[in-house]
Amino acid sequence: MYERVEVAAAPEVVVLRLREALVARGVTEYAVVDHGRDMAAAGRPGIIAWTLVFGNPAAGADVLEHDLAAAADLPLRMGVIADGKGHAAIVFRDMRTLLRDELADVADAMTATLRSLATGV
């Protein structure tokens, strides 16, 4: 269900690079969730993970016109997680698991965008 791309860089650096790549592509960033910071504040330190939430409203409209329930999974998300050795992995969902064959072209385009962002870091 998830793809994982290993990156030979610290997780914090990977988050910054992904955010820069989103800006360069004109993609709207909605949020960056720092799970480690939030969990440490809740007394559960040691987790190194972020979720980037972003999207293209025009592309998202195609999905929501097909099924408004997809709002539970849009906008797109990518996780950046620590590998325990000072490097990171980028994790994202294959959008066919959400959209299936009904919107195969849209799902494949979204997954290709996620893959391109992850491998370009």
PDB file of N, CA and C in Angstrom:
ATOM      1  N   MET A   1       0.817  -1.191   0.000  1.00  0.00           N
ATOM      2  CA  MET A   1       0.000   0.000   0.000  1.00  0.00           C
ATOM      3  C   MET A   1       0.866   1.263   0.000  1.00  0.00           C
ATOM      4  N   TYR A   2       2.031   1.223   0.643  1.00  0.00           N
ATOM      5  CA  TYR A   2       2.918   2.386   0.683  1.00  0.00           C
ATOM      6  C   TYR A   2       4.191   2.101  -0.088  1.00  0.00           C
ATOM      7  N   GLU A   3       4.703   3.146  -0.711  1.00  0.00           N
ATOM      8  CA  GLU A   3       6.025   3.077  -1.323  1.00  0.00           C
ATOM      9  C   GLU A   3       6.981   3.790  -0.401  1.00  0.00           C
ATOM     10  N   ARG A   4       8.226   3.320  -0.373  1.00  0.00           N
ATOM     11  CA  ARG A   4       9.247   3.905   0.482  1.00  0.00           C
ATOM     12  C   ARG A   4      10.476   4.186  -0.378  1.00  0.00           C
ATOM     13  N   VAL A   5      10.981   5.424  -0.275  1.00  0.00           N
ATOM     14  CA  VAL A   5      12.186   5.829  -0.991  1.00  0.00           C
ATOM     15  C   VAL A   5      13.215   6.224   0.058  1.00  0.00           C
ATOM     16  N   GLU A   6      14.315   5.498   0.102  1.00  0.00           N
ATOM     17  CA  GLU A   6      15.386   5.800   1.048  1.00  0.00           C
ATOM     18  C   GLU A   6      16.173   7.010   0.549  1.00  0.00           C
ATOM     19  N   VAL A   7      16.546   7.899   1.468  1.00  0.00           N
ATOM     20  CA  VAL A   7      17.278   9.114   1.116  1.00  0.00           C
ATOM     21  C   VAL A   7      18.486   9.221   2.040  1.00  0.00           C
ATOM     22  N   ALA A   8      19.661   9.424   1.460  1.00  0.00           N
ATOM     23  CA  ALA A   8      20.893   9.536   2.239  1.00  0.00           C
ATOM     24  C   ALA A   8      21.072  10.965   2.739  1.00  0.00           C
ATOM     25  N   ALA A   9      20.132  11.393   3.568  1.00  0.00           N
ATOM     26  CA  ALA A   9      20.178  12.722   4.168  1.00  0.00           C
ATOM     27  C   ALA A   9      19.379  12.672   5.465  1.00  0.00           C
ATOM     28  N   ALA A  10      19.671  13.597   6.351  1.00  0.00           N
ATOM     29  CA  ALA A  10      18.946  13.672   7.616  1.00  0.00           C
ATOM     30  C   ALA A  10      17.469  13.998   7.349  1.00  0.00           C
ATOM     31  N   PRO A  11      16.576  13.471   8.167  1.00  0.00           N
ATOM     32  CA  PRO A  11      15.149  13.716   7.948  1.00  0.00           C
ATOM     33  C   PRO A  11      14.791  15.200   7.865  1.00  0.00           C
ATOM     34  N   GLU A  12      15.395  16.023   8.712  1.00  0.00           N
ATOM     35  CA  GLU A  12      15.101  17.461   8.697  1.00  0.00           C
ATOM     36  C   GLU A  12      15.448  18.081   7.354  1.00  0.00           C
ATOM     37  N   VAL A  13      16.554  17.632   6.775  1.00  0.00           N
ATOM     38  CA  VAL A  13      16.993  18.128   5.467  1.00  0.00           C
ATOM     39  C   VAL A  13      16.023  17.676   4.382  1.00  0.00           C
ATOM     40  N   VAL A  14      15.565  16.453   4.479  1.00  0.00           N
ATOM     41  CA  VAL A  14      14.623  15.918   3.496  1.00  0.00           C
ATOM     42  C   VAL A  14      13.315  16.705   3.532  1.00  0.00           C
ATOM     43  N   VAL A  15      12.834  17.035   4.724  1.00  0.00           N
ATOM     44  CA  VAL A  15      11.615  17.844   4.834  1.00  0.00           C
ATOM     45  C   VAL A  15      11.808  19.177   4.125  1.00  0.00           C
ATOM     46  N   LEU A  16      12.929  19.839   4.378  1.00  0.00           N
ATOM     47  CA  LEU A  16      13.195  21.131   3.729  1.00  0.00           C
ATOM     48  C   LEU A  16      13.270  20.995   2.213  1.00  0.00           C
ATOM     49  N   ARG A  17      13.943  19.961   1.734  1.00  0.00           N
ATOM     50  CA  ARG A  17      14.063  19.751   0.282  1.00  0.00           C
ATOM     51  C   ARG A  17      12.707  19.490  -0.368  1.00  0.00           C
ATOM     52  N   LEU A  18      11.885  18.699   0.297  1.00  0.00           N
ATOM     53  CA  LEU A  18      10.552  18.437  -0.245  1.00  0.00           C
ATOM     54  C   LEU A  18       9.725  19.717  -0.297  1.00  0.00           C
ATOM     55  N   ARG A  19       9.796  20.502   0.746  1.00  0.00           N
ATOM     56  CA  ARG A  19       9.039  21.763   0.767  1.00  0.00           C
ATOM     57  C   ARG A  19       9.507  22.689  -0.356  1.00  0.00           C
ATOM     58  N   GLU A  20      10.810  22.748  -0.581  1.00  0.00           N
ATOM     59  CA  GLU A  20      11.342  23.564  -1.679  1.00  0.00           C
ATOM     60  C   GLU A  20      10.863  23.035  -3.023  1.00  0.00           C
ATOM     61  N   ALA A  21      10.827  21.715  -3.176  1.00  0.00           N
ATOM     62  CA  ALA A  21      10.371  21.112  -4.437  1.00  0.00           C
ATOM     63  C   ALA A  21       8.902  21.420  -4.686  1.00  0.00           C
ATOM     64  N   LEU A  22       8.102  21.425  -3.639  1.00  0.00           N
ATOM     65  CA  LEU A  22       6.683  21.754  -3.788  1.00  0.00           C
ATOM     66  C   LEU A  22       6.518  23.198  -4.259  1.00  0.00           C
ATOM     67  N   VAL A  23       7.249  24.105  -3.647  1.00  0.00           N
ATOM     68  CA  VAL A  23       7.193  25.514  -4.054  1.00  0.00           C
ATOM     69  C   VAL A  23       7.614  25.659  -5.515  1.00  0.00           C
ATOM     70  N   ALA A  24       8.694  24.978  -5.887  1.00  0.00           N
ATOM     71  CA  ALA A  24       9.207  25.081  -7.259  1.00  0.00           C
ATOM     72  C   ALA A  24       8.195  24.578  -8.283  1.00  0.00           C
ATOM     73  N   ARG A  25       7.361  23.623  -7.893  1.00  0.00           N
ATOM     74  CA  ARG A  25       6.352  23.071  -8.807  1.00  0.00           C
ATOM     75  C   ARG A  25       5.026  23.825  -8.738  1.00  0.00           C
ATOM     76  N   GLY A  26       4.941  24.802  -7.865  1.00  0.00           N
ATOM     77  CA  GLY A  26       3.700  25.550  -7.733  1.00  0.00           C
ATOM     78  C   GLY A  26       2.600  24.788  -7.034  1.00  0.00           C
ATOM     79  N   VAL A  27       2.972  23.838  -6.213  1.00  0.00           N
ATOM     80  CA  VAL A  27       2.010  23.016  -5.490  1.00  0.00           C
ATOM     81  C   VAL A  27       1.671  23.711  -4.167  1.00  0.00           C
ATOM     82  N   THR A  28       0.419  23.662  -3.779  1.00  0.00           N
ATOM     83  CA  THR A  28      -0.027  24.289  -2.545  1.00  0.00           C
ATOM     84  C   THR A  28       0.344  23.423  -1.345  1.00  0.00           C
ATOM     85  N   GLU A  29       1.068  24.016  -0.388  1.00  0.00           N
ATOM     86  CA  GLU A  29       1.376  23.322   0.864  1.00  0.00           C
ATOM     87  C   GLU A  29       0.313  23.714   1.878  1.00  0.00           C
ATOM     88  N   TYR A  30      -0.328  22.712   2.458  1.00  0.00           N
ATOM     89  CA  TYR A  30      -1.375  22.976   3.437  1.00  0.00           C
ATOM     90  C   TYR A  30      -0.874  22.862   4.867  1.00  0.00           C
ATOM     91  N   ALA A  31       0.044  21.934   5.110  1.00  0.00           N
ATOM     92  CA  ALA A  31       0.533  21.745   6.478  1.00  0.00           C
ATOM     93  C   ALA A  31       1.799  20.891   6.476  1.00  0.00           C
ATOM     94  N   VAL A  32       2.591  21.090   7.514  1.00  0.00           N
ATOM     95  CA  VAL A  32       3.711  20.207   7.816  1.00  0.00           C
ATOM     96  C   VAL A  32       3.538  19.821   9.283  1.00  0.00           C
ATOM     97  N   VAL A  33       3.314  18.550   9.518  1.00  0.00           N
ATOM     98  CA  VAL A  33       3.086  18.041  10.868  1.00  0.00           C
ATOM     99  C   VAL A  33       4.390  17.437  11.372  1.00  0.00           C
ATOM    100  N   ASP A  34       4.893  17.965  12.480  1.00  0.00           N
ATOM    101  CA  ASP A  34       6.101  17.446  13.116  1.00  0.00           C
ATOM    102  C   ASP A  34       5.657  16.517  14.242  1.00  0.00           C
ATOM    103  N   HIS A  35       5.518  15.242  13.915  1.00  0.00           N
ATOM    104  CA  HIS A  35       5.021  14.269  14.889  1.00  0.00           C
ATOM    105  C   HIS A  35       5.946  14.172  16.096  1.00  0.00           C
ATOM    106  N   GLY A  36       7.249  14.209  15.856  1.00  0.00           N
ATOM    107  CA  GLY A  36       8.213  14.098  16.951  1.00  0.00           C
ATOM    108  C   GLY A  36       8.060  15.211  17.966  1.00  0.00           C
ATOM    109  N   ARG A  37       7.923  16.431  17.487  1.00  0.00           N
ATOM    110  CA  ARG A  37       7.744  17.577  18.389  1.00  0.00           C
ATOM    111  C   ARG A  37       6.456  17.414  19.192  1.00  0.00           C
ATOM    112  N   ASP A  38       5.382  17.074  18.489  1.00  0.00           N
ATOM    113  CA  ASP A  38       4.084  16.963  19.154  1.00  0.00           C
ATOM    114  C   ASP A  38       4.057  15.817  20.154  1.00  0.00           C
ATOM    115  N   MET A  39       4.657  14.702  19.798  1.00  0.00           N
ATOM    116  CA  MET A  39       4.647  13.554  20.701  1.00  0.00           C
ATOM    117  C   MET A  39       5.566  13.778  21.891  1.00  0.00           C
ATOM    118  N   ALA A  40       6.696  14.449  21.674  1.00  0.00           N
ATOM    119  CA  ALA A  40       7.580  14.787  22.796  1.00  0.00           C
ATOM    120  C   ALA A  40       6.856  15.698  23.783  1.00  0.00           C
ATOM    121  N   ALA A  41       6.080  16.635  23.247  1.00  0.00           N
ATOM    122  CA  ALA A  41       5.309  17.531  24.115  1.00  0.00           C
ATOM    123  C   ALA A  41       4.254  16.760  24.906  1.00  0.00           C
ATOM    124  N   ALA A  42       3.838  15.613  24.376  1.00  0.00           N
ATOM    125  CA  ALA A  42       2.848  14.776  25.058  1.00  0.00           C
ATOM    126  C   ALA A  42       3.520  13.724  25.945  1.00  0.00           C
ATOM    127  N   GLY A  43       4.847  13.840  26.122  1.00  0.00           N
ATOM    128  CA  GLY A  43       5.570  12.912  26.978  1.00  0.00           C
ATOM    129  C   GLY A  43       6.019  11.638  26.311  1.00  0.00           C
ATOM    130  N   ARG A  44       6.001  11.603  24.963  1.00  0.00           N
ATOM    131  CA  ARG A  44       6.413  10.416  24.212  1.00  0.00           C
ATOM    132  C   ARG A  44       7.539  10.766  23.250  1.00  0.00           C
ATOM    133  N   PRO A  45       8.737  11.074  23.769  1.00  0.00           N
ATOM    134  CA  PRO A  45       9.857  11.466  22.900  1.00  0.00           C
ATOM    135  C   PRO A  45      10.414  10.281  22.120  1.00  0.00           C
ATOM    136  N   GLY A  46      11.251  10.614  21.135  1.00  0.00           N
ATOM    137  CA  GLY A  46      11.976   9.580  20.398  1.00  0.00           C
ATOM    138  C   GLY A  46      11.438   9.274  19.020  1.00  0.00           C
ATOM    139  N   ILE A  47      10.299   9.832  18.660  1.00  0.00           N
ATOM    140  CA  ILE A  47       9.742   9.583  17.334  1.00  0.00           C
ATOM    141  C   ILE A  47      10.210  10.690  16.410  1.00  0.00           C
ATOM    142  N   ILE A  48      10.781  10.301  15.278  1.00  0.00           N
ATOM    143  CA  ILE A  48      11.260  11.273  14.294  1.00  0.00           C
ATOM    144  C   ILE A  48      10.478  11.033  13.013  1.00  0.00           C
ATOM    145  N   ALA A  49       9.455  11.872  12.811  1.00  0.00           N
ATOM    146  CA  ALA A  49       8.591  11.696  11.646  1.00  0.00           C
ATOM    147  C   ALA A  49       7.818  12.985  11.370  1.00  0.00           C
ATOM    148  N   TRP A  50       7.602  13.243  10.095  1.00  0.00           N
ATOM    149  CA  TRP A  50       6.807  14.382   9.642  1.00  0.00           C
ATOM    150  C   TRP A  50       5.799  13.894   8.613  1.00  0.00           C
ATOM    151  N   THR A  51       4.712  14.632   8.490  1.00  0.00           N
ATOM    152  CA  THR A  51       3.776  14.451   7.388  1.00  0.00           C
ATOM    153  C   THR A  51       3.645  15.785   6.681  1.00  0.00           C
ATOM    154  N   LEU A  52       3.885  15.784   5.371  1.00  0.00           N
ATOM    155  CA  LEU A  52       3.666  16.970   4.548  1.00  0.00           C
ATOM    156  C   LEU A  52       2.330  16.799   3.848  1.00  0.00           C
ATOM    157  N   VAL A  53       1.499  17.819   3.932  1.00  0.00           N
ATOM    158  CA  VAL A  53       0.162  17.789   3.335  1.00  0.00           C
ATOM    159  C   VAL A  53       0.135  18.861   2.253  1.00  0.00           C
ATOM    160  N   PHE A  54      -0.180  18.458   1.021  1.00  0.00           N
ATOM    161  CA  PHE A  54      -0.079  19.375  -0.109  1.00  0.00           C
ATOM    162  C   PHE A  54      -0.979  18.903  -1.234  1.00  0.00           C
ATOM    163  N   GLY A  55      -1.173  19.766  -2.213  1.00  0.00           N
ATOM    164  CA  GLY A  55      -1.984  19.335  -3.339  1.00  0.00           C
ATOM    165  C   GLY A  55      -2.128  20.381  -4.414  1.00  0.00           C
ATOM    166  N   ASN A  56      -2.847  19.961  -5.425  1.00  0.00           N
ATOM    167  CA  ASN A  56      -3.196  20.804  -6.549  1.00  0.00           C
ATOM    168  C   ASN A  56      -4.718  20.819  -6.594  1.00  0.00           C
ATOM    169  N   PRO A  57      -5.348  21.930  -6.216  1.00  0.00           N
ATOM    170  CA  PRO A  57      -6.805  21.956  -6.146  1.00  0.00           C
ATOM    171  C   PRO A  57      -7.499  21.543  -7.448  1.00  0.00           C
ATOM    172  N   ALA A  58      -6.934  21.880  -8.585  1.00  0.00           N
ATOM    173  CA  ALA A  58      -7.569  21.501  -9.856  1.00  0.00           C
ATOM    174  C   ALA A  58      -7.576  19.987 -10.025  1.00  0.00           C
ATOM    175  N   ALA A  59      -6.467  19.338  -9.693  1.00  0.00           N
ATOM    176  CA  ALA A  59      -6.402  17.876  -9.804  1.00  0.00           C
ATOM    177  C   ALA A  59      -7.303  17.227  -8.760  1.00  0.00           C
ATOM    178  N   GLY A  60      -7.323  17.798  -7.566  1.00  0.00           N
ATOM    179  CA  GLY A  60      -8.180  17.259  -6.515  1.00  0.00           C
ATOM    180  C   GLY A  60      -9.644  17.341  -6.872  1.00  0.00           C
ATOM    181  N   ALA A  61     -10.011  18.359  -7.635  1.00  0.00           N
ATOM    182  CA  ALA A  61     -11.413  18.512  -8.038  1.00  0.00           C
ATOM    183  C   ALA A  61     -11.880  17.313  -8.857  1.00  0.00           C
ATOM    184  N   ASP A  62     -11.012  16.778  -9.721  1.00  0.00           N
ATOM    185  CA  ASP A  62     -11.386  15.600 -10.514  1.00  0.00           C
ATOM    186  C   ASP A  62     -11.741  14.427  -9.612  1.00  0.00           C
ATOM    187  N   VAL A  63     -10.959  14.262  -8.563  1.00  0.00           N
ATOM    188  CA  VAL A  63     -11.185  13.155  -7.640  1.00  0.00           C
ATOM    189  C   VAL A  63     -12.479  13.376  -6.851  1.00  0.00           C
ATOM    190  N   LEU A  64     -12.653  14.575  -6.321  1.00  0.00           N
ATOM    191  CA  LEU A  64     -13.834  14.844  -5.499  1.00  0.00           C
ATOM    192  C   LEU A  64     -15.119  14.850  -6.314  1.00  0.00           C
ATOM    193  N   GLU A  65     -15.045  15.239  -7.580  1.00  0.00           N
ATOM    194  CA  GLU A  65     -16.232  15.165  -8.434  1.00  0.00           C
ATOM    195  C   GLU A  65     -16.655  13.715  -8.636  1.00  0.00           C
ATOM    196  N   HIS A  66     -15.691  12.820  -8.619  1.00  0.00           N
ATOM    197  CA  HIS A  66     -15.976  11.398  -8.776  1.00  0.00           C
ATOM    198  C   HIS A  66     -16.560  10.815  -7.485  1.00  0.00           C
ATOM    199  N   ASP A  67     -15.965  11.200  -6.334  1.00  0.00           N
ATOM    200  CA  ASP A  67     -16.408  10.650  -5.059  1.00  0.00           C
ATOM    201  C   ASP A  67     -16.018  11.614  -3.940  1.00  0.00           C
ATOM    202  N   LEU A  68     -16.992  12.322  -3.409  1.00  0.00           N
ATOM    203  CA  LEU A  68     -16.717  13.293  -2.349  1.00  0.00           C
ATOM    204  C   LEU A  68     -16.098  12.654  -1.113  1.00  0.00           C
ATOM    205  N   ALA A  69     -16.317  11.370  -0.907  1.00  0.00           N
ATOM    206  CA  ALA A  69     -15.737  10.696   0.251  1.00  0.00           C
ATOM    207  C   ALA A  69     -14.207  10.677   0.196  1.00  0.00           C
ATOM    208  N   ALA A  70     -13.648  10.894  -0.986  1.00  0.00           N
ATOM    209  CA  ALA A  70     -12.187  10.941  -1.115  1.00  0.00           C
ATOM    210  C   ALA A  70     -11.605  12.131  -0.370  1.00  0.00           C
ATOM    211  N   ALA A  71     -12.447  13.044   0.084  1.00  0.00           N
ATOM    212  CA  ALA A  71     -11.972  14.175   0.883  1.00  0.00           C
ATOM    213  C   ALA A  71     -11.250  13.695   2.140  1.00  0.00           C
ATOM    214  N   ALA A  72     -11.520  12.473   2.568  1.00  0.00           N
ATOM    215  CA  ALA A  72     -10.825  11.916   3.728  1.00  0.00           C
ATOM    216  C   ALA A  72      -9.351  11.669   3.443  1.00  0.00           C
ATOM    217  N   ASP A  73      -8.983  11.538   2.178  1.00  0.00           N
ATOM    218  CA  ASP A  73      -7.601  11.234   1.811  1.00  0.00           C
ATOM    219  C   ASP A  73      -6.919  12.330   1.009  1.00  0.00           C
ATOM    220  N   LEU A  74      -7.626  13.408   0.734  1.00  0.00           N
ATOM    221  CA  LEU A  74      -7.025  14.517   0.004  1.00  0.00           C
ATOM    222  C   LEU A  74      -6.944  15.708   0.951  1.00  0.00           C
ATOM    223  N   PRO A  75      -5.999  16.575   0.817  1.00  0.00           N
ATOM    224  CA  PRO A  75      -4.948  16.605  -0.190  1.00  0.00           C
ATOM    225  C   PRO A  75      -3.934  15.479   0.025  1.00  0.00           C
ATOM    226  N   LEU A  76      -2.955  15.441  -0.867  1.00  0.00           N
ATOM    227  CA  LEU A  76      -1.935  14.402  -0.828  1.00  0.00           C
ATOM    228  C   LEU A  76      -1.063  14.539   0.412  1.00  0.00           C
ATOM    229  N   ARG A  77      -0.434  13.432   0.767  1.00  0.00           N
ATOM    230  CA  ARG A  77       0.453  13.405   1.929  1.00  0.00           C
ATOM    231  C   ARG A  77       1.698  12.599   1.611  1.00  0.00           C
ATOM    232  N   MET A  78       2.792  13.035   2.216  1.00  0.00           N
ATOM    233  CA  MET A  78       4.032  12.257   2.185  1.00  0.00           C
ATOM    234  C   MET A  78       4.576  12.246   3.601  1.00  0.00           C
ATOM    235  N   GLY A  79       5.087  11.111   4.006  1.00  0.00           N
ATOM    236  CA  GLY A  79       5.738  11.021   5.301  1.00  0.00           C
ATOM    237  C   GLY A  79       7.238  11.044   5.126  1.00  0.00           C
ATOM    238  N   VAL A  80       7.916  11.661   6.063  1.00  0.00           N
ATOM    239  CA  VAL A  80       9.375  11.600   6.141  1.00  0.00           C
ATOM    240  C   VAL A  80       9.678  10.996   7.497  1.00  0.00           C
ATOM    241  N   ILE A  81      10.394   9.864   7.482  1.00  0.00           N
ATOM    242  CA  ILE A  81      10.677   9.148   8.720  1.00  0.00           C
ATOM    243  C   ILE A  81      12.170   8.879   8.840  1.00  0.00           C
ATOM    244  N   ALA A  82      12.633   8.781  10.071  1.00  0.00           N
ATOM    245  CA  ALA A  82      14.036   8.490  10.330  1.00  0.00           C
ATOM    246  C   ALA A  82      14.285   6.996  10.158  1.00  0.00           C
ATOM    247  N   ASP A  83      15.494   6.671   9.696  1.00  0.00           N
ATOM    248  CA  ASP A  83      15.845   5.253   9.544  1.00  0.00           C
ATOM    249  C   ASP A  83      16.664   4.731  10.724  1.00  0.00           C
ATOM    250  N   GLY A  84      16.911   5.586  11.722  1.00  0.00           N
ATOM    251  CA  GLY A  84      17.684   5.175  12.886  1.00  0.00           C
ATOM    252  C   GLY A  84      19.186   5.267  12.692  1.00  0.00           C
ATOM    253  N   LYS A  85      19.624   5.640  11.483  1.00  0.00           N
ATOM    254  CA  LYS A  85      21.055   5.738  11.183  1.00  0.00           C
ATOM    255  C   LYS A  85      21.416   7.129  10.684  1.00  0.00           C
ATOM    256  N   GLY A  86      20.563   8.095  10.962  1.00  0.00           N
ATOM    257  CA  GLY A  86      20.823   9.469  10.549  1.00  0.00           C
ATOM    258  C   GLY A  86      20.298   9.828   9.178  1.00  0.00           C
ATOM    259  N   HIS A  87      19.701   8.867   8.500  1.00  0.00           N
ATOM    260  CA  HIS A  87      19.122   9.121   7.182  1.00  0.00           C
ATOM    261  C   HIS A  87      17.606   9.040   7.280  1.00  0.00           C
ATOM    262  N   ALA A  88      16.951   9.226   6.139  1.00  0.00           N
ATOM    263  CA  ALA A  88      15.487   9.260   6.134  1.00  0.00           C
ATOM    264  C   ALA A  88      14.922   8.373   5.040  1.00  0.00           C
ATOM    265  N   ALA A  89      13.643   8.158   5.150  1.00  0.00           N
ATOM    266  CA  ALA A  89      12.872   7.531   4.084  1.00  0.00           C
ATOM    267  C   ALA A  89      11.650   8.406   3.849  1.00  0.00           C
ATOM    268  N   ILE A  90      11.261   8.495   2.589  1.00  0.00           N
ATOM    269  CA  ILE A  90      10.036   9.192   2.221  1.00  0.00           C
ATOM    270  C   ILE A  90       9.004   8.114   1.922  1.00  0.00           C
ATOM    271  N   VAL A  91       7.843   8.260   2.512  1.00  0.00           N
ATOM    272  CA  VAL A  91       6.797   7.255   2.379  1.00  0.00           C
ATOM    273  C   VAL A  91       5.550   7.923   1.801  1.00  0.00           C
ATOM    274  N   PHE A  92       4.943   7.256   0.825  1.00  0.00           N
ATOM    275  CA  PHE A  92       3.711   7.788   0.244  1.00  0.00           C
ATOM    276  C   PHE A  92       2.828   6.638  -0.203  1.00  0.00           C
ATOM    277  N   ARG A  93       1.569   6.953  -0.365  1.00  0.00           N
ATOM    278  CA  ARG A  93       0.567   5.960  -0.741  1.00  0.00           C
ATOM    279  C   ARG A  93       0.461   5.868  -2.257  1.00  0.00           C
ATOM    280  N   ASP A  94       0.390   4.654  -2.755  1.00  0.00           N
ATOM    281  CA  ASP A  94       0.045   4.445  -4.158  1.00  0.00           C
ATOM    282  C   ASP A  94      -1.426   4.818  -4.284  1.00  0.00           C
ATOM    283  N   MET A  95      -1.716   5.834  -5.067  1.00  0.00           N
ATOM    284  CA  MET A  95      -3.072   6.372  -5.126  1.00  0.00           C
ATOM    285  C   MET A  95      -4.084   5.406  -5.739  1.00  0.00           C
ATOM    286  N   ARG A  96      -3.630   4.344  -6.382  1.00  0.00           N
ATOM    287  CA  ARG A  96      -4.582   3.329  -6.869  1.00  0.00           C
ATOM    288  C   ARG A  96      -5.263   2.624  -5.710  1.00  0.00           C
ATOM    289  N   THR A  97      -4.605   2.596  -4.547  1.00  0.00           N
ATOM    290  CA  THR A  97      -5.241   1.977  -3.382  1.00  0.00           C
ATOM    291  C   THR A  97      -6.435   2.800  -2.914  1.00  0.00           C
ATOM    292  N   LEU A  98      -6.466   4.070  -3.275  1.00  0.00           N
ATOM    293  CA  LEU A  98      -7.589   4.941  -2.939  1.00  0.00           C
ATOM    294  C   LEU A  98      -8.594   5.010  -4.086  1.00  0.00           C
ATOM    295  N   LEU A  99      -8.084   5.267  -5.283  1.00  0.00           N
ATOM    296  CA  LEU A  99      -8.959   5.562  -6.416  1.00  0.00           C
ATOM    297  C   LEU A  99      -9.289   4.357  -7.285  1.00  0.00           C
ATOM    298  N   ARG A 100      -8.541   3.304  -7.154  1.00  0.00           N
ATOM    299  CA  ARG A 100      -8.722   2.074  -7.912  1.00  0.00           C
ATOM    300  C   ARG A 100      -8.750   2.340  -9.416  1.00  0.00           C
ATOM    301  N   ASP A 101      -9.378   1.456 -10.137  1.00  0.00           N
ATOM    302  CA  ASP A 101      -9.371   1.558 -11.593  1.00  0.00           C
ATOM    303  C   ASP A 101     -10.343   2.606 -12.133  1.00  0.00           C
ATOM    304  N   GLU A 102     -11.264   3.040 -11.285  1.00  0.00           N
ATOM    305  CA  GLU A 102     -12.264   4.000 -11.737  1.00  0.00           C
ATOM    306  C   GLU A 102     -11.646   5.320 -12.190  1.00  0.00           C
ATOM    307  N   LEU A 103     -10.587   5.720 -11.517  1.00  0.00           N
ATOM    308  CA  LEU A 103      -9.860   6.939 -11.877  1.00  0.00           C
ATOM    309  C   LEU A 103      -8.385   6.592 -12.051  1.00  0.00           C
ATOM    310  N   ALA A 104      -8.131   5.529 -12.783  1.00  0.00           N
ATOM    311  CA  ALA A 104      -6.768   5.020 -12.922  1.00  0.00           C
ATOM    312  C   ALA A 104      -5.807   6.076 -13.450  1.00  0.00           C
ATOM    313  N   ASP A 105      -6.202   6.836 -14.442  1.00  0.00           N
ATOM    314  CA  ASP A 105      -5.308   7.844 -15.007  1.00  0.00           C
ATOM    315  C   ASP A 105      -4.950   8.908 -13.979  1.00  0.00           C
ATOM    316  N   VAL A 106      -5.939   9.354 -13.222  1.00  0.00           N
ATOM    317  CA  VAL A 106      -5.696  10.368 -12.193  1.00  0.00           C
ATOM    318  C   VAL A 106      -4.830   9.775 -11.081  1.00  0.00           C
ATOM    319  N   ALA A 107      -5.151   8.557 -10.651  1.00  0.00           N
ATOM    320  CA  ALA A 107      -4.382   7.898  -9.597  1.00  0.00           C
ATOM    321  C   ALA A 107      -2.933   7.723 -10.008  1.00  0.00           C
ATOM    322  N   ASP A 108      -2.721   7.271 -11.229  1.00  0.00           N
ATOM    323  CA  ASP A 108      -1.349   7.053 -11.696  1.00  0.00           C
ATOM    324  C   ASP A 108      -0.586   8.363 -11.816  1.00  0.00           C
ATOM    325  N   ALA A 109      -1.262   9.422 -12.239  1.00  0.00           N
ATOM    326  CA  ALA A 109      -0.604  10.729 -12.344  1.00  0.00           C
ATOM    327  C   ALA A 109      -0.225  11.243 -10.961  1.00  0.00           C
ATOM    328  N   MET A 110      -1.118  11.078  -9.985  1.00  0.00           N
ATOM    329  CA  MET A 110      -0.811  11.525  -8.623  1.00  0.00           C
ATOM    330  C   MET A 110       0.353  10.726  -8.035  1.00  0.00           C
ATOM    331  N   THR A 111       0.333   9.416  -8.223  1.00  0.00           N
ATOM    332  CA  THR A 111       1.418   8.584  -7.705  1.00  0.00           C
ATOM    333  C   THR A 111       2.728   8.928  -8.402  1.00  0.00           C
ATOM    334  N   ALA A 112       2.681   9.192  -9.689  1.00  0.00           N
ATOM    335  CA  ALA A 112       3.900   9.577 -10.413  1.00  0.00           C
ATOM    336  C   ALA A 112       4.471  10.882  -9.873  1.00  0.00           C
ATOM    337  N   THR A 113       3.599  11.811  -9.517  1.00  0.00           N
ATOM    338  CA  THR A 113       4.054  13.072  -8.925  1.00  0.00           C
ATOM    339  C   THR A 113       4.717  12.817  -7.584  1.00  0.00           C
ATOM    340  N   LEU A 114       4.087  12.001  -6.759  1.00  0.00           N
ATOM    341  CA  LEU A 114       4.671  11.671  -5.451  1.00  0.00           C
ATOM    342  C   LEU A 114       6.026  10.987  -5.621  1.00  0.00           C
ATOM    343  N   ARG A 115       6.090  10.039  -6.532  1.00  0.00           N
ATOM    344  CA  ARG A 115       7.342   9.312  -6.779  1.00  0.00           C
ATOM    345  C   ARG A 115       8.430  10.257  -7.286  1.00  0.00           C
ATOM    346  N   SER A 116       8.056  11.153  -8.172  1.00  0.00           N
ATOM    347  CA  SER A 116       9.015  12.126  -8.725  1.00  0.00           C
ATOM    348  C   SER A 116       9.556  13.038  -7.613  1.00  0.00           C
ATOM    349  N   LEU A 117       8.679  13.506  -6.754  1.00  0.00           N
ATOM    350  CA  LEU A 117       9.125  14.342  -5.647  1.00  0.00           C
ATOM    351  C   LEU A 117      10.089  13.572  -4.741  1.00  0.00           C
ATOM    352  N   ALA A 118       9.728  12.331  -4.422  1.00  0.00           N
ATOM    353  CA  ALA A 118      10.542  11.529  -3.506  1.00  0.00           C
ATOM    354  C   ALA A 118      11.904  11.198  -4.092  1.00  0.00           C
ATOM    355  N   THR A 119      11.935  10.834  -5.337  1.00  0.00           N
ATOM    356  CA  THR A 119      13.217  10.437  -5.936  1.00  0.00           C
ATOM    357  C   THR A 119      14.063  11.642  -6.323  1.00  0.00           C
ATOM    358  N   GLY A 120      13.457  12.824  -6.369  1.00  0.00           N
ATOM    359  CA  GLY A 120      14.205  14.030  -6.729  1.00  0.00           C
ATOM    360  C   GLY A 120      14.907  14.693  -5.566  1.00  0.00           C
ATOM    361  N   VAL A 121      14.689  14.189  -4.341  1.00  0.00           N
ATOM    362  CA  VAL A 121      15.281  14.816  -3.160  1.00  0.00           C
ATOM    363  C   VAL A 121      16.739  14.478  -3.041  1.00  0.00           C
TER     364      VAL A 121
END
